[in-house]
Amino acid sequence: MDLHSKTMKTTLLLWVTAGFAWTAPAAYEIRPDDRAVLELTVEKTGLLSGKKHLFTFLRYQATLRFDPTAPETSTVELEIETASIFCHDTWLSAKDLHKVQDYAVKDMLAADHYPRITFRSTAIAKVDSSKYQVQGNLTIRDVSRPVIFTASLQAAGDSFPHIEGSARLLLTDFGLKPPTALLGAIGTKNEIVLRFVLIAKPQTASPEE
């Protein structure tokens, strides 16, 4: 289920499994998983109107520190490895797919100079019995912008908690110019959609701790 945000507002839906009690402060780690996905889509305009580029990030990590009794003390930190972006377009030729992949890594995200995309929460507030508002800063290519997440916690199932949702962002908010081709006959929308299904597992202490 996608929840959409406007220019500087994003929406996050957290589905937490039954039998996994959020009753005490705890730390969770989030890493790539077979059941997880962190993807973004970009729509084309002009001659390719209706087509979409589909990318996924293959390497990322996050830490969630959550206290259900005092959510204002909770924090979320996320790091995405920029160079791990991967294009999945099936409507492109192999040659064009390589060009899009190369452009995304080297030009759009400039992975050699900006190896990380990050999000850091700055405040978390309880809205009602199952919803929380998460404020923080999203940084792409060293450009940081404030975003707000509306987070809902629900119970369903008996496995690790899932974090699922989507966000709509503008490329120009982060100093990125939507690419064009054929003298503008082929364009790219300014808006991108970030969708994620992430798995949160209890954080284990390091050996030296």
N, C-alpha and C. Protein backbone atom coordinates (compact mmCIF):
# COMPACT_ATOMS: atom_id res chain seq x y z
N MET A 1 0.85 -1.18 0.00
CA MET A 1 0.00 0.00 0.00
C MET A 1 0.89 1.23 0.00
N ASP A 2 0.79 2.09 -1.01
CA ASP A 2 1.62 3.27 -1.14
C ASP A 2 0.95 4.48 -0.51
N LEU A 3 1.68 5.22 0.27
CA LEU A 3 1.22 6.48 0.83
C LEU A 3 2.11 7.55 0.22
N HIS A 4 1.49 8.60 -0.37
CA HIS A 4 2.25 9.57 -1.15
C HIS A 4 2.47 10.86 -0.37
N SER A 5 3.62 11.45 -0.58
CA SER A 5 3.95 12.72 0.05
C SER A 5 4.07 13.79 -1.00
N LYS A 6 4.06 15.03 -0.57
CA LYS A 6 4.25 16.14 -1.49
C LYS A 6 5.70 16.59 -1.42
N THR A 7 6.00 17.74 -2.01
CA THR A 7 7.38 18.14 -2.30
C THR A 7 8.37 17.76 -1.21
N MET A 8 8.21 18.26 0.01
CA MET A 8 9.19 17.94 1.03
C MET A 8 8.59 17.07 2.13
N LYS A 9 7.61 16.28 1.76
CA LYS A 9 6.98 15.41 2.75
C LYS A 9 6.92 14.00 2.20
N THR A 10 7.39 13.03 2.98
CA THR A 10 7.34 11.63 2.57
C THR A 10 6.53 10.85 3.58
N THR A 11 6.06 9.68 3.17
CA THR A 11 5.21 8.87 4.02
C THR A 11 5.78 7.48 4.18
N LEU A 12 5.78 7.01 5.39
CA LEU A 12 6.35 5.70 5.71
C LEU A 12 5.31 4.85 6.42
N LEU A 13 5.14 3.61 5.98
CA LEU A 13 4.22 2.67 6.63
C LEU A 13 5.03 1.54 7.22
N LEU A 14 4.97 1.36 8.54
CA LEU A 14 5.69 0.30 9.22
C LEU A 14 4.69 -0.79 9.61
N TRP A 15 4.88 -2.02 9.06
CA TRP A 15 4.05 -3.16 9.43
C TRP A 15 4.86 -4.03 10.36
N VAL A 16 4.41 -4.13 11.59
CA VAL A 16 5.15 -4.91 12.57
C VAL A 16 4.40 -6.19 12.86
N THR A 17 5.10 -7.29 12.94
CA THR A 17 4.47 -8.59 13.04
C THR A 17 3.96 -8.88 14.44
N ALA A 18 2.82 -9.55 14.49
CA ALA A 18 2.24 -9.96 15.77
C ALA A 18 3.17 -10.97 16.41
N GLY A 19 3.23 -10.96 17.72
CA GLY A 19 4.14 -11.84 18.40
C GLY A 19 5.51 -11.21 18.53
N PHE A 20 5.75 -10.11 17.84
CA PHE A 20 7.00 -9.36 17.98
C PHE A 20 6.63 -8.10 18.73
N ALA A 21 6.83 -8.10 20.02
CA ALA A 21 6.32 -7.04 20.88
C ALA A 21 7.23 -5.83 20.92
N TRP A 22 6.66 -4.68 20.61
CA TRP A 22 7.37 -3.42 20.75
C TRP A 22 7.02 -2.86 22.13
N THR A 23 7.46 -3.53 23.17
CA THR A 23 7.06 -3.14 24.52
C THR A 23 8.21 -2.56 25.33
N ALA A 24 9.43 -2.62 24.80
CA ALA A 24 10.58 -2.11 25.54
C ALA A 24 11.57 -1.49 24.55
N PRO A 25 12.40 -0.55 25.03
CA PRO A 25 13.39 0.05 24.14
C PRO A 25 14.30 -1.02 23.53
N ALA A 26 14.57 -0.92 22.24
CA ALA A 26 15.43 -1.90 21.58
C ALA A 26 16.03 -1.30 20.33
N ALA A 27 17.13 -1.89 19.88
CA ALA A 27 17.80 -1.43 18.66
C ALA A 27 17.66 -2.51 17.60
N TYR A 28 17.41 -2.08 16.36
CA TYR A 28 17.23 -3.00 15.24
C TYR A 28 18.16 -2.60 14.12
N GLU A 29 18.66 -3.59 13.38
CA GLU A 29 19.49 -3.31 12.23
C GLU A 29 18.76 -3.72 10.95
N ILE A 30 18.99 -2.97 9.91
CA ILE A 30 18.33 -3.21 8.62
C ILE A 30 19.42 -3.35 7.56
N ARG A 31 19.41 -4.49 6.87
CA ARG A 31 20.38 -4.76 5.81
C ARG A 31 19.66 -5.45 4.65
N PRO A 32 20.32 -5.57 3.50
CA PRO A 32 19.70 -6.27 2.37
C PRO A 32 19.23 -7.66 2.76
N ASP A 33 18.09 -8.06 2.21
CA ASP A 33 17.46 -9.33 2.54
C ASP A 33 16.69 -9.80 1.32
N ASP A 34 16.54 -11.12 1.16
CA ASP A 34 15.81 -11.66 0.01
C ASP A 34 14.38 -11.15 -0.06
N ARG A 35 13.82 -10.80 1.09
CA ARG A 35 12.43 -10.33 1.14
C ARG A 35 12.33 -8.81 1.03
N ALA A 36 13.47 -8.13 0.99
CA ALA A 36 13.50 -6.67 1.02
C ALA A 36 13.71 -6.09 -0.37
N VAL A 37 13.32 -4.84 -0.51
CA VAL A 37 13.56 -4.11 -1.76
C VAL A 37 13.68 -2.62 -1.43
N LEU A 38 14.62 -1.98 -2.09
CA LEU A 38 14.79 -0.52 -1.98
C LEU A 38 14.94 -0.02 -3.41
N GLU A 39 13.87 0.55 -3.96
CA GLU A 39 13.85 0.87 -5.38
C GLU A 39 13.33 2.27 -5.63
N LEU A 40 13.69 2.80 -6.80
CA LEU A 40 13.14 4.07 -7.23
C LEU A 40 12.75 3.98 -8.70
N THR A 41 11.70 4.71 -9.05
CA THR A 41 11.23 4.75 -10.43
C THR A 41 11.20 6.20 -10.91
N VAL A 42 11.53 6.37 -12.18
CA VAL A 42 11.55 7.68 -12.81
C VAL A 42 10.79 7.58 -14.12
N GLU A 43 9.77 8.42 -14.31
CA GLU A 43 8.97 8.38 -15.53
C GLU A 43 9.58 9.23 -16.63
N LYS A 44 9.44 8.75 -17.87
CA LYS A 44 9.93 9.47 -19.03
C LYS A 44 8.83 10.37 -19.59
N THR A 45 9.22 11.36 -20.38
CA THR A 45 8.27 12.26 -21.04
C THR A 45 8.61 12.34 -22.53
N GLY A 46 7.79 13.04 -23.28
CA GLY A 46 8.06 13.22 -24.71
C GLY A 46 7.82 11.93 -25.49
N LEU A 47 8.74 11.58 -26.35
CA LEU A 47 8.59 10.41 -27.22
C LEU A 47 8.49 9.10 -26.44
N LEU A 48 9.02 9.10 -25.22
CA LEU A 48 8.98 7.88 -24.39
C LEU A 48 7.98 8.00 -23.24
N SER A 49 7.02 8.89 -23.38
CA SER A 49 6.01 9.08 -22.34
C SER A 49 5.32 7.75 -22.03
N GLY A 50 5.17 7.43 -20.76
CA GLY A 50 4.57 6.16 -20.34
C GLY A 50 5.60 5.13 -19.92
N LYS A 51 6.85 5.32 -20.34
CA LYS A 51 7.93 4.42 -19.94
C LYS A 51 8.50 4.86 -18.59
N LYS A 52 9.09 3.91 -17.87
CA LYS A 52 9.68 4.21 -16.57
C LYS A 52 11.03 3.52 -16.44
N HIS A 53 11.98 4.22 -15.82
CA HIS A 53 13.23 3.59 -15.42
C HIS A 53 13.00 3.00 -14.03
N LEU A 54 13.43 1.77 -13.83
CA LEU A 54 13.33 1.12 -12.53
C LEU A 54 14.73 0.80 -12.02
N PHE A 55 15.06 1.35 -10.86
CA PHE A 55 16.36 1.12 -10.25
C PHE A 55 16.17 0.52 -8.86
N THR A 56 17.14 -0.30 -8.46
CA THR A 56 17.18 -0.76 -7.07
C THR A 56 18.56 -0.47 -6.49
N PHE A 57 18.60 -0.31 -5.18
CA PHE A 57 19.88 -0.19 -4.47
C PHE A 57 20.17 -1.53 -3.82
N LEU A 58 21.35 -2.07 -4.09
CA LEU A 58 21.68 -3.41 -3.63
C LEU A 58 22.40 -3.43 -2.28
N ARG A 59 22.99 -2.30 -1.89
CA ARG A 59 23.74 -2.27 -0.63
C ARG A 59 23.31 -1.06 0.20
N TYR A 60 22.91 -1.33 1.42
CA TYR A 60 22.47 -0.29 2.34
C TYR A 60 22.48 -0.85 3.75
N GLN A 61 22.41 0.02 4.72
CA GLN A 61 22.30 -0.40 6.11
C GLN A 61 21.62 0.70 6.92
N ALA A 62 20.93 0.28 7.95
CA ALA A 62 20.22 1.26 8.78
C ALA A 62 20.14 0.75 10.20
N THR A 63 19.95 1.69 11.10
CA THR A 63 19.75 1.37 12.51
C THR A 63 18.50 2.07 13.00
N LEU A 64 17.62 1.30 13.62
CA LEU A 64 16.40 1.83 14.22
C LEU A 64 16.48 1.60 15.72
N ARG A 65 16.43 2.66 16.48
CA ARG A 65 16.36 2.57 17.94
C ARG A 65 14.98 3.07 18.34
N PHE A 66 14.17 2.13 18.84
CA PHE A 66 12.76 2.44 19.06
C PHE A 66 12.34 2.16 20.49
N ASP A 67 11.71 3.14 21.11
CA ASP A 67 11.16 3.00 22.45
C ASP A 67 9.67 3.32 22.37
N PRO A 68 8.79 2.32 22.41
CA PRO A 68 7.35 2.56 22.28
C PRO A 68 6.77 3.38 23.42
N THR A 69 7.44 3.37 24.58
CA THR A 69 6.93 4.13 25.72
C THR A 69 7.40 5.58 25.70
N ALA A 70 8.45 5.86 24.92
CA ALA A 70 8.97 7.23 24.79
C ALA A 70 9.47 7.42 23.36
N PRO A 71 8.55 7.45 22.38
CA PRO A 71 8.95 7.52 20.97
C PRO A 71 9.80 8.74 20.63
N GLU A 72 9.68 9.80 21.43
CA GLU A 72 10.46 11.00 21.14
C GLU A 72 11.96 10.76 21.33
N THR A 73 12.33 9.68 21.99
CA THR A 73 13.75 9.36 22.17
C THR A 73 14.24 8.39 21.10
N SER A 74 13.36 7.94 20.23
CA SER A 74 13.72 6.98 19.19
C SER A 74 14.47 7.67 18.04
N THR A 75 15.26 6.89 17.29
CA THR A 75 16.03 7.44 16.17
C THR A 75 16.09 6.45 15.01
N VAL A 76 16.28 7.00 13.81
CA VAL A 76 16.48 6.19 12.60
C VAL A 76 17.66 6.78 11.84
N GLU A 77 18.59 5.90 11.43
CA GLU A 77 19.72 6.32 10.61
C GLU A 77 19.86 5.35 9.45
N LEU A 78 19.93 5.87 8.23
CA LEU A 78 20.01 5.04 7.03
C LEU A 78 21.14 5.51 6.14
N GLU A 79 21.92 4.55 5.61
CA GLU A 79 22.97 4.84 4.64
C GLU A 79 22.80 3.92 3.44
N ILE A 80 22.79 4.49 2.24
CA ILE A 80 22.67 3.73 1.00
C ILE A 80 23.97 3.92 0.21
N GLU A 81 24.55 2.83 -0.27
CA GLU A 81 25.75 2.91 -1.08
C GLU A 81 25.35 3.34 -2.50
N THR A 82 25.74 4.54 -2.89
CA THR A 82 25.29 5.12 -4.15
C THR A 82 25.63 4.25 -5.35
N ALA A 83 26.85 3.70 -5.39
CA ALA A 83 27.29 2.92 -6.54
C ALA A 83 26.56 1.59 -6.69
N SER A 84 25.74 1.24 -5.70
CA SER A 84 25.03 -0.04 -5.77
C SER A 84 23.72 0.07 -6.54
N ILE A 85 23.43 1.25 -7.10
CA ILE A 85 22.20 1.40 -7.89
C ILE A 85 22.27 0.52 -9.13
N PHE A 86 21.16 -0.11 -9.47
CA PHE A 86 21.13 -1.06 -10.59
C PHE A 86 19.85 -0.87 -11.39
N CYS A 87 19.97 -0.72 -12.71
CA CYS A 87 18.82 -0.49 -13.58
C CYS A 87 18.23 -1.82 -14.04
N HIS A 88 16.90 -1.95 -13.95
CA HIS A 88 16.21 -3.20 -14.30
C HIS A 88 15.34 -3.07 -15.55
N ASP A 89 15.48 -2.01 -16.32
CA ASP A 89 14.60 -1.78 -17.47
C ASP A 89 14.64 -2.94 -18.47
N THR A 90 13.47 -3.47 -18.78
CA THR A 90 13.38 -4.56 -19.76
C THR A 90 13.00 -4.04 -21.14
N TRP A 91 12.64 -2.77 -21.24
CA TRP A 91 12.21 -2.19 -22.51
C TRP A 91 13.35 -1.54 -23.29
N LEU A 92 14.56 -1.56 -22.69
CA LEU A 92 15.73 -0.99 -23.35
C LEU A 92 16.58 -2.08 -23.99
N SER A 93 17.30 -1.73 -25.04
CA SER A 93 18.28 -2.64 -25.62
C SER A 93 19.45 -2.77 -24.65
N ALA A 94 20.26 -3.79 -24.80
CA ALA A 94 21.40 -3.99 -23.91
C ALA A 94 22.33 -2.78 -23.94
N LYS A 95 22.51 -2.20 -25.12
CA LYS A 95 23.38 -1.03 -25.27
C LYS A 95 22.82 0.17 -24.53
N ASP A 96 21.52 0.43 -24.70
CA ASP A 96 20.90 1.57 -24.03
C ASP A 96 20.81 1.35 -22.51
N LEU A 97 20.59 0.11 -22.11
CA LEU A 97 20.55 -0.20 -20.69
C LEU A 97 21.89 0.13 -20.04
N HIS A 98 22.95 -0.21 -20.72
CA HIS A 98 24.29 0.10 -20.20
C HIS A 98 24.48 1.61 -20.08
N LYS A 99 23.99 2.36 -21.06
CA LYS A 99 24.12 3.81 -21.03
C LYS A 99 23.36 4.41 -19.84
N VAL A 100 22.14 3.92 -19.62
CA VAL A 100 21.33 4.43 -18.50
C VAL A 100 21.99 4.10 -17.17
N GLN A 101 22.48 2.86 -17.04
CA GLN A 101 23.17 2.44 -15.82
C GLN A 101 24.40 3.31 -15.57
N ASP A 102 25.18 3.52 -16.60
CA ASP A 102 26.41 4.31 -16.49
C ASP A 102 26.09 5.76 -16.12
N TYR A 103 25.03 6.31 -16.72
CA TYR A 103 24.65 7.69 -16.44
C TYR A 103 24.19 7.85 -14.99
N ALA A 104 23.41 6.88 -14.52
CA ALA A 104 22.89 6.96 -13.15
C ALA A 104 24.03 6.96 -12.13
N VAL A 105 25.03 6.10 -12.34
CA VAL A 105 26.14 5.98 -11.38
C VAL A 105 27.11 7.15 -11.50
N LYS A 106 27.54 7.45 -12.72
CA LYS A 106 28.62 8.41 -12.90
C LYS A 106 28.17 9.87 -12.98
N ASP A 107 27.00 10.12 -13.56
CA ASP A 107 26.57 11.49 -13.77
C ASP A 107 25.50 11.94 -12.77
N MET A 108 24.37 11.25 -12.75
CA MET A 108 23.28 11.68 -11.89
C MET A 108 23.67 11.63 -10.41
N LEU A 109 24.20 10.50 -9.95
CA LEU A 109 24.55 10.36 -8.53
C LEU A 109 26.02 10.62 -8.24
N ALA A 110 26.86 10.64 -9.30
CA ALA A 110 28.30 10.92 -9.14
C ALA A 110 28.87 10.11 -7.98
N ALA A 111 28.73 8.79 -8.09
CA ALA A 111 29.09 7.89 -6.98
C ALA A 111 30.54 8.01 -6.54
N ASP A 112 31.44 8.32 -7.47
CA ASP A 112 32.85 8.45 -7.11
C ASP A 112 33.08 9.59 -6.12
N HIS A 113 32.29 10.64 -6.22
CA HIS A 113 32.44 11.81 -5.35
C HIS A 113 31.49 11.79 -4.16
N TYR A 114 30.32 11.14 -4.34
CA TYR A 114 29.31 11.11 -3.28
C TYR A 114 28.89 9.64 -3.05
N PRO A 115 29.67 8.90 -2.29
CA PRO A 115 29.45 7.45 -2.14
C PRO A 115 28.23 7.05 -1.30
N ARG A 116 27.62 8.00 -0.59
CA ARG A 116 26.52 7.64 0.29
C ARG A 116 25.31 8.58 0.11
N ILE A 117 24.14 7.99 0.19
CA ILE A 117 22.88 8.72 0.38
C ILE A 117 22.46 8.42 1.81
N THR A 118 22.13 9.45 2.58
CA THR A 118 21.84 9.22 3.99
C THR A 118 20.53 9.86 4.43
N PHE A 119 19.96 9.27 5.47
CA PHE A 119 18.82 9.88 6.16
C PHE A 119 19.09 9.80 7.65
N ARG A 120 18.89 10.90 8.33
CA ARG A 120 19.07 10.97 9.78
C ARG A 120 17.83 11.60 10.39
N SER A 121 17.17 10.91 11.30
CA SER A 121 16.00 11.48 11.96
C SER A 121 16.44 12.55 12.95
N THR A 122 15.61 13.57 13.10
CA THR A 122 15.88 14.64 14.07
C THR A 122 14.82 14.73 15.16
N ALA A 123 13.65 14.18 14.90
CA ALA A 123 12.57 14.20 15.90
C ALA A 123 11.53 13.15 15.54
N ILE A 124 11.00 12.49 16.55
CA ILE A 124 9.93 11.51 16.36
C ILE A 124 8.84 11.81 17.39
N ALA A 125 7.61 11.94 16.92
CA ALA A 125 6.49 12.26 17.81
C ALA A 125 5.33 11.32 17.55
N LYS A 126 4.65 10.93 18.61
CA LYS A 126 3.48 10.06 18.49
C LYS A 126 2.27 10.87 18.07
N VAL A 127 1.56 10.40 17.03
CA VAL A 127 0.37 11.08 16.54
C VAL A 127 -0.88 10.50 17.18
N ASP A 128 -0.99 9.18 17.17
CA ASP A 128 -2.07 8.48 17.87
C ASP A 128 -1.57 7.11 18.28
N SER A 129 -2.46 6.17 18.55
CA SER A 129 -2.05 4.88 19.08
C SER A 129 -1.17 4.07 18.15
N SER A 130 -1.24 4.35 16.85
CA SER A 130 -0.45 3.55 15.91
C SER A 130 0.37 4.37 14.92
N LYS A 131 0.32 5.70 15.03
CA LYS A 131 1.04 6.53 14.06
C LYS A 131 2.07 7.44 14.73
N TYR A 132 3.16 7.64 14.01
CA TYR A 132 4.24 8.48 14.49
C TYR A 132 4.69 9.41 13.38
N GLN A 133 5.13 10.59 13.75
CA GLN A 133 5.68 11.53 12.78
C GLN A 133 7.20 11.56 12.96
N VAL A 134 7.90 11.26 11.87
CA VAL A 134 9.36 11.20 11.89
C VAL A 134 9.91 12.34 11.04
N GLN A 135 10.67 13.22 11.66
CA GLN A 135 11.33 14.30 10.93
C GLN A 135 12.81 13.99 10.81
N GLY A 136 13.41 14.41 9.69
CA GLY A 136 14.83 14.15 9.51
C GLY A 136 15.37 14.83 8.28
N ASN A 137 16.64 14.57 8.00
CA ASN A 137 17.32 15.16 6.85
C ASN A 137 17.76 14.06 5.88
N LEU A 138 17.38 14.23 4.62
CA LEU A 138 17.80 13.33 3.55
C LEU A 138 18.91 14.03 2.78
N THR A 139 20.04 13.34 2.57
CA THR A 139 21.18 13.94 1.89
C THR A 139 21.53 13.16 0.64
N ILE A 140 21.52 13.85 -0.51
CA ILE A 140 21.92 13.28 -1.80
C ILE A 140 22.94 14.21 -2.42
N ARG A 141 24.11 13.70 -2.79
CA ARG A 141 25.19 14.51 -3.37
C ARG A 141 25.53 15.70 -2.48
N ASP A 142 25.57 15.46 -1.18
CA ASP A 142 25.91 16.47 -0.19
C ASP A 142 24.88 17.59 -0.08
N VAL A 143 23.72 17.41 -0.67
CA VAL A 143 22.63 18.38 -0.52
C VAL A 143 21.60 17.78 0.42
N SER A 144 21.36 18.44 1.54
CA SER A 144 20.42 17.93 2.55
C SER A 144 19.11 18.71 2.50
N ARG A 145 18.02 17.97 2.62
CA ARG A 145 16.70 18.58 2.66
C ARG A 145 15.90 17.92 3.78
N PRO A 146 15.11 18.72 4.52
CA PRO A 146 14.27 18.14 5.58
C PRO A 146 13.09 17.39 4.97
N VAL A 147 12.77 16.26 5.56
CA VAL A 147 11.60 15.49 5.14
C VAL A 147 10.83 15.07 6.39
N ILE A 148 9.56 14.77 6.21
CA ILE A 148 8.71 14.31 7.31
C ILE A 148 8.04 13.01 6.92
N PHE A 149 8.15 12.00 7.77
CA PHE A 149 7.50 10.71 7.55
C PHE A 149 6.33 10.57 8.52
N THR A 150 5.22 10.05 8.05
CA THR A 150 4.14 9.64 8.93
C THR A 150 4.23 8.12 9.05
N ALA A 151 4.56 7.64 10.22
CA ALA A 151 4.83 6.21 10.42
C ALA A 151 3.69 5.53 11.17
N SER A 152 3.22 4.40 10.62
CA SER A 152 2.17 3.63 11.27
C SER A 152 2.70 2.25 11.66
N LEU A 153 2.46 1.85 12.87
CA LEU A 153 2.87 0.54 13.36
C LEU A 153 1.65 -0.34 13.48
N GLN A 154 1.71 -1.52 12.81
CA GLN A 154 0.61 -2.46 12.85
C GLN A 154 1.14 -3.86 13.11
N ALA A 155 0.29 -4.72 13.59
CA ALA A 155 0.69 -6.10 13.88
C ALA A 155 0.09 -7.05 12.87
N ALA A 156 0.93 -8.00 12.39
CA ALA A 156 0.45 -9.01 11.44
C ALA A 156 1.53 -10.04 11.21
N GLY A 157 1.32 -11.28 11.66
CA GLY A 157 2.30 -12.33 11.40
C GLY A 157 3.19 -12.61 12.59
N ASP A 158 4.29 -13.36 12.34
CA ASP A 158 5.14 -13.77 13.46
C ASP A 158 6.61 -13.77 13.09
N SER A 159 7.02 -13.00 12.08
CA SER A 159 8.43 -12.95 11.70
C SER A 159 9.00 -11.59 12.06
N PHE A 160 10.17 -11.26 11.51
CA PHE A 160 10.78 -9.98 11.83
C PHE A 160 9.92 -8.82 11.33
N PRO A 161 10.01 -7.67 12.00
CA PRO A 161 9.23 -6.50 11.57
C PRO A 161 9.60 -6.08 10.15
N HIS A 162 8.59 -5.68 9.40
CA HIS A 162 8.80 -5.16 8.06
C HIS A 162 8.57 -3.65 8.08
N ILE A 163 9.39 -2.94 7.33
CA ILE A 163 9.21 -1.50 7.14
C ILE A 163 8.87 -1.32 5.68
N GLU A 164 7.67 -0.86 5.40
CA GLU A 164 7.20 -0.78 4.02
C GLU A 164 6.60 0.59 3.74
N GLY A 165 6.88 1.14 2.58
CA GLY A 165 6.30 2.43 2.25
C GLY A 165 6.85 3.01 0.98
N SER A 166 6.57 4.28 0.74
CA SER A 166 7.05 4.95 -0.46
C SER A 166 7.21 6.43 -0.19
N ALA A 167 7.98 7.09 -1.04
CA ALA A 167 8.21 8.52 -0.89
C ALA A 167 8.31 9.15 -2.28
N ARG A 168 7.80 10.36 -2.43
CA ARG A 168 7.92 11.11 -3.67
C ARG A 168 8.82 12.32 -3.42
N LEU A 169 9.86 12.44 -4.25
CA LEU A 169 10.83 13.51 -4.11
C LEU A 169 11.02 14.20 -5.44
N LEU A 170 11.56 15.41 -5.41
CA LEU A 170 11.87 16.15 -6.62
C LEU A 170 13.37 16.17 -6.84
N LEU A 171 13.81 15.82 -8.05
CA LEU A 171 15.24 15.83 -8.37
C LEU A 171 15.85 17.21 -8.13
N THR A 172 15.13 18.25 -8.52
CA THR A 172 15.67 19.61 -8.42
C THR A 172 15.85 20.07 -6.97
N ASP A 173 15.14 19.46 -6.04
CA ASP A 173 15.32 19.81 -4.63
C ASP A 173 16.73 19.45 -4.15
N PHE A 174 17.37 18.51 -4.85
CA PHE A 174 18.71 18.07 -4.47
C PHE A 174 19.75 18.50 -5.51
N GLY A 175 19.40 19.51 -6.31
CA GLY A 175 20.33 20.04 -7.29
C GLY A 175 20.55 19.15 -8.49
N LEU A 176 19.62 18.22 -8.74
CA LEU A 176 19.75 17.29 -9.86
C LEU A 176 18.87 17.74 -11.02
N LYS A 177 19.41 17.73 -12.22
CA LYS A 177 18.67 18.16 -13.40
C LYS A 177 18.09 16.95 -14.12
N PRO A 178 16.77 16.89 -14.33
CA PRO A 178 16.18 15.77 -15.07
C PRO A 178 16.82 15.64 -16.45
N PRO A 179 17.38 14.48 -16.79
CA PRO A 179 18.08 14.32 -18.07
C PRO A 179 17.14 14.36 -19.28
N THR A 180 17.67 14.82 -20.42
CA THR A 180 16.92 14.86 -21.67
C THR A 180 17.78 14.27 -22.79
N ALA A 181 17.15 13.96 -23.91
CA ALA A 181 17.85 13.43 -25.07
C ALA A 181 17.14 13.90 -26.33
N LEU A 182 17.80 13.76 -27.47
CA LEU A 182 17.25 14.14 -28.77
C LEU A 182 16.71 15.57 -28.75
N LEU A 183 17.56 16.48 -28.27
CA LEU A 183 17.22 17.90 -28.22
C LEU A 183 15.92 18.16 -27.45
N GLY A 184 15.70 17.38 -26.42
CA GLY A 184 14.53 17.57 -25.58
C GLY A 184 13.31 16.76 -25.97
N ALA A 185 13.40 16.01 -27.09
CA ALA A 185 12.26 15.21 -27.53
C ALA A 185 11.99 14.05 -26.57
N ILE A 186 13.01 13.65 -25.84
CA ILE A 186 12.86 12.63 -24.79
C ILE A 186 13.27 13.29 -23.48
N GLY A 187 12.38 13.27 -22.50
CA GLY A 187 12.68 13.90 -21.23
C GLY A 187 12.45 12.98 -20.05
N THR A 188 12.64 13.53 -18.87
CA THR A 188 12.47 12.78 -17.62
C THR A 188 11.71 13.66 -16.64
N LYS A 189 10.73 13.11 -15.95
CA LYS A 189 9.98 13.89 -14.97
C LYS A 189 10.88 14.28 -13.81
N ASN A 190 10.55 15.41 -13.23
CA ASN A 190 11.30 15.90 -12.08
C ASN A 190 11.06 15.04 -10.84
N GLU A 191 9.88 14.46 -10.75
CA GLU A 191 9.51 13.66 -9.57
C GLU A 191 10.02 12.24 -9.68
N ILE A 192 10.55 11.71 -8.59
CA ILE A 192 10.94 10.30 -8.51
C ILE A 192 10.18 9.66 -7.35
N VAL A 193 9.95 8.36 -7.46
CA VAL A 193 9.24 7.63 -6.41
C VAL A 193 10.18 6.61 -5.79
N LEU A 194 10.38 6.70 -4.51
CA LEU A 194 11.20 5.76 -3.77
C LEU A 194 10.28 4.81 -3.01
N ARG A 195 10.43 3.51 -3.26
CA ARG A 195 9.61 2.50 -2.58
C ARG A 195 10.51 1.51 -1.86
N PHE A 196 10.08 1.08 -0.69
CA PHE A 196 10.93 0.20 0.09
C PHE A 196 10.12 -0.81 0.90
N VAL A 197 10.67 -1.99 1.00
CA VAL A 197 10.22 -3.03 1.93
C VAL A 197 11.48 -3.50 2.63
N LEU A 198 11.64 -3.16 3.89
CA LEU A 198 12.87 -3.43 4.62
C LEU A 198 12.58 -4.34 5.81
N ILE A 199 13.57 -5.14 6.17
CA ILE A 199 13.43 -6.10 7.27
C ILE A 199 14.27 -5.64 8.45
N ALA A 200 13.64 -5.45 9.60
CA ALA A 200 14.33 -5.00 10.81
C ALA A 200 14.57 -6.19 11.74
N LYS A 201 15.84 -6.42 12.07
CA LYS A 201 16.19 -7.51 12.97
C LYS A 201 16.83 -6.95 14.23
N PRO A 202 16.60 -7.60 15.37
CA PRO A 202 17.22 -7.12 16.62
C PRO A 202 18.73 -7.00 16.46
N GLN A 203 19.26 -5.90 16.90
CA GLN A 203 20.69 -5.64 16.77
C GLN A 203 21.45 -6.47 17.80
N THR A 204 22.52 -7.09 17.34
CA THR A 204 23.36 -7.89 18.24
C THR A 204 24.56 -7.08 18.64
N ALA A 205 25.01 -7.27 19.86
CA ALA A 205 26.16 -6.54 20.37
C ALA A 205 27.43 -7.03 19.70
N SER A 206 28.37 -6.13 19.47
CA SER A 206 29.65 -6.51 18.89
C SER A 206 30.48 -7.24 19.95
N PRO A 207 31.45 -8.08 19.55
CA PRO A 207 32.22 -8.88 20.49
C PRO A 207 32.90 -8.07 21.57
N GLU A 208 33.34 -6.83 21.23
CA GLU A 208 34.07 -6.06 22.22
C GLU A 208 33.17 -5.38 23.23
N GLU A 209 31.83 -5.40 22.97
CA GLU A 209 30.91 -4.73 23.88
C GLU A 209 30.57 -5.65 25.06
